[in-house]
C-alpha atoms as a PDB file:
ATOM      1  CA  MET A   1      21.438  -1.113   5.907  1.00  0.00           C
ATOM      2  CA  THR A   2      21.082   0.360   2.444  1.00  0.00           C
ATOM      3  CA  ALA A   3      18.542  -0.563  -0.186  1.00  0.00           C
ATOM      4  CA  PRO A   4      20.711  -2.818  -2.412  1.00  0.00           C
ATOM      5  CA  PHE A   5      21.026  -5.255   0.470  1.00  0.00           C
ATOM      6  CA  LEU A   6      17.327  -5.293   1.416  1.00  0.00           C
ATOM      7  CA  SER A   7      14.833  -7.876   0.261  1.00  0.00           C
ATOM      8  CA  LEU A   8      11.680  -6.815  -1.547  1.00  0.00           C
ATOM      9  CA  ALA A   9       9.662  -7.516   1.597  1.00  0.00           C
ATOM     10  CA  GLN A  10      11.913  -5.223   3.635  1.00  0.00           C
ATOM     11  CA  ILE A  11      11.606  -2.438   1.064  1.00  0.00           C
ATOM     12  CA  ARG A  12       7.815  -2.869   1.047  1.00  0.00           C
ATOM     13  CA  ASN A  13       7.718  -2.711   4.847  1.00  0.00           C
ATOM     14  CA  ARG A  14       9.791   0.472   4.872  1.00  0.00           C
ATOM     15  CA  LEU A  15       7.470   2.064   2.324  1.00  0.00           C
ATOM     16  CA  ILE A  16       4.467   1.188   4.489  1.00  0.00           C
ATOM     17  CA  LEU A  17       6.093   2.560   7.642  1.00  0.00           C
ATOM     18  CA  THR A  18       7.064   5.785   5.878  1.00  0.00           C
ATOM     19  CA  ALA A  19       3.572   6.248   4.451  1.00  0.00           C
ATOM     20  CA  ARG A  20       2.038   5.747   7.903  1.00  0.00           C
ATOM     21  CA  TRP A  21       4.464   8.256   9.383  1.00  0.00           C
ATOM     22  CA  VAL A  22       3.518  10.813   6.703  1.00  0.00           C
ATOM     23  CA  LEU A  23      -0.184  10.248   7.330  1.00  0.00           C
ATOM     24  CA  ARG A  24       0.327  10.875  11.051  1.00  0.00           C
ATOM     25  CA  ASP A  25       2.039  14.201  10.329  1.00  0.00           C
ATOM     26  CA  HIS A  26      -0.516  15.261   7.729  1.00  0.00           C
ATOM     27  CA  GLN A  27      -3.664  14.243   9.627  1.00  0.00           C
ATOM     28  CA  PRO A  28      -6.370  16.891   9.122  1.00  0.00           C
ATOM     29  CA  ALA A  29      -7.114  19.256  11.992  1.00  0.00           C
ATOM     30  CA  PRO A  30     -10.692  19.750  13.248  1.00  0.00           C
ATOM     31  CA  ASP A  31     -11.207  22.449  10.595  1.00  0.00           C
ATOM     32  CA  GLY A  32     -10.403  19.852   7.871  1.00  0.00           C
ATOM     33  CA  ARG A  33      -7.104  21.404   6.800  1.00  0.00           C
ATOM     34  CA  CYS A  34      -3.694  19.760   6.947  1.00  0.00           C
ATOM     35  CA  PRO A  35      -1.625  21.432   9.697  1.00  0.00           C
ATOM     36  CA  THR A  36       1.581  21.029   7.675  1.00  0.00           C
ATOM     37  CA  CYS A  37       0.406  21.986   4.180  1.00  0.00           C
ATOM     38  CA  ARG A  38      -2.474  24.205   5.332  1.00  0.00           C
ATOM     39  CA  THR A  39      -4.696  22.907   2.527  1.00  0.00           C
ATOM     40  CA  ALA A  40      -8.078  21.208   2.665  1.00  0.00           C
ATOM     41  CA  ASP A  41      -7.073  18.354   0.353  1.00  0.00           C
ATOM     42  CA  CYS A  42      -3.471  17.526   1.247  1.00  0.00           C
ATOM     43  CA  PRO A  43      -1.632  16.081  -1.787  1.00  0.00           C
ATOM     44  CA  VAL A  44       1.049  14.549   0.450  1.00  0.00           C
ATOM     45  CA  ALA A  45      -1.541  12.584   2.445  1.00  0.00           C
ATOM     46  CA  THR A  46      -3.177  11.481  -0.802  1.00  0.00           C
ATOM     47  CA  ALA A  47       0.162  10.192  -2.108  1.00  0.00           C
ATOM     48  CA  ALA A  48       0.796   8.341   1.178  1.00  0.00           C
ATOM     49  CA  ARG A  49      -2.631   6.678   0.937  1.00  0.00           C
ATOM     50  CA  ASP A  50      -1.833   5.636  -2.637  1.00  0.00           C
ATOM     51  CA  VAL A  51       1.457   4.088  -1.491  1.00  0.00           C
ATOM     52  CA  LEU A  52      -0.344   2.137   1.254  1.00  0.00           C
ATOM     53  CA  ARG A  53      -3.012   0.922  -1.153  1.00  0.00           C
ATOM     54  CA  THR A  54      -0.414  -0.165  -3.717  1.00  0.00           C
ATOM     55  CA  ALA A  55       1.803  -1.871  -1.153  1.00  0.00           C
ATOM     56  CA  THR A  56      -1.086  -3.927   0.197  1.00  0.00           C
ATOM     57  CA  GLU A  57      -2.242  -4.930  -3.301  1.00  0.00           C
ATOM     58  CA  VAL A  58       1.148  -6.490  -4.025  1.00  0.00           C
ATOM     59  CA  LEU A  59       0.219  -9.438  -1.817  1.00  0.00           C
ATOM     60  CA  LEU A  60      -2.697 -10.191  -4.133  1.00  0.00           C
ATOM     61  CA  TRP A  61      -0.305 -10.727  -7.049  1.00  0.00           C
ATOM     62  CA  ASN A  62       1.688 -13.483  -5.408  1.00  0.00           C
ATOM     63  CA  THR A  63       2.061 -16.326  -7.926  1.00  0.00           C
ATOM     64  CA  ALA A  64       1.848 -18.973  -5.192  1.00  0.00           C
ATOM     65  CA  THR A  65      -1.776 -18.025  -4.503  1.00  0.00           C
ATOM     66  CA  GLN A  66      -3.043 -17.999  -8.087  1.00  0.00           C
ATOM     67  CA  PRO A  67      -6.131 -20.167  -8.653  1.00  0.00           C
ATOM     68  CA  ALA A  68      -5.751 -23.432 -10.497  1.00  0.00           C
ATOM     69  CA  GLU A  69      -6.326 -23.382 -14.249  1.00  0.00           C
ATOM     70  CA  SER A  70      -9.671 -25.206 -13.918  1.00  0.00           C
ATOM     71  CA  ASP A  71     -10.909 -22.620 -11.379  1.00  0.00           C
ATOM     72  CA  ARG A  72     -10.335 -19.676 -13.693  1.00  0.00           C
ATOM     73  CA  ASP A  73     -13.082 -20.567 -16.171  1.00  0.00           C
ATOM     74  CA  GLY A  74     -15.666 -21.220 -13.457  1.00  0.00           C
ATOM     75  CA  THR A  75     -15.924 -24.978 -13.873  1.00  0.00           C
ATOM     76  CA  PRO A  76     -15.256 -27.104 -10.807  1.00  0.00           C
ATOM     77  CA  PRO A  77     -12.125 -29.258 -10.840  1.00  0.00           C
ATOM     78  CA  ALA A  78     -12.650 -32.862 -11.928  1.00  0.00           C
ATOM     79  CA  ASP A  79     -12.493 -35.509  -9.204  1.00  0.00           C
END
C-alpha cells in the first residue's frame, strides 16, 4: 500500500520500524565505530534516534488527553 492510503498511525509505525532497522545496521562495534559509516559518531544513527524520539512524543500531543482547564492553573477542580 502506498502512503496516500495510509493513516497517520500507519505512517508513524512505519517510521518507527525503519528507524529501528537503521539503528540495528548502524550499531557501534566494540571499538565504538559504526561498521557501516566507519565513524565514531554516526550521523545516520543520530538521525534515527531523533526520528524515534519525535515519533514517541507525538502521543503526548493527543488532544483527547489534554488536562481540563481547571487543572492547567494548578487549582483543584470544584466539586
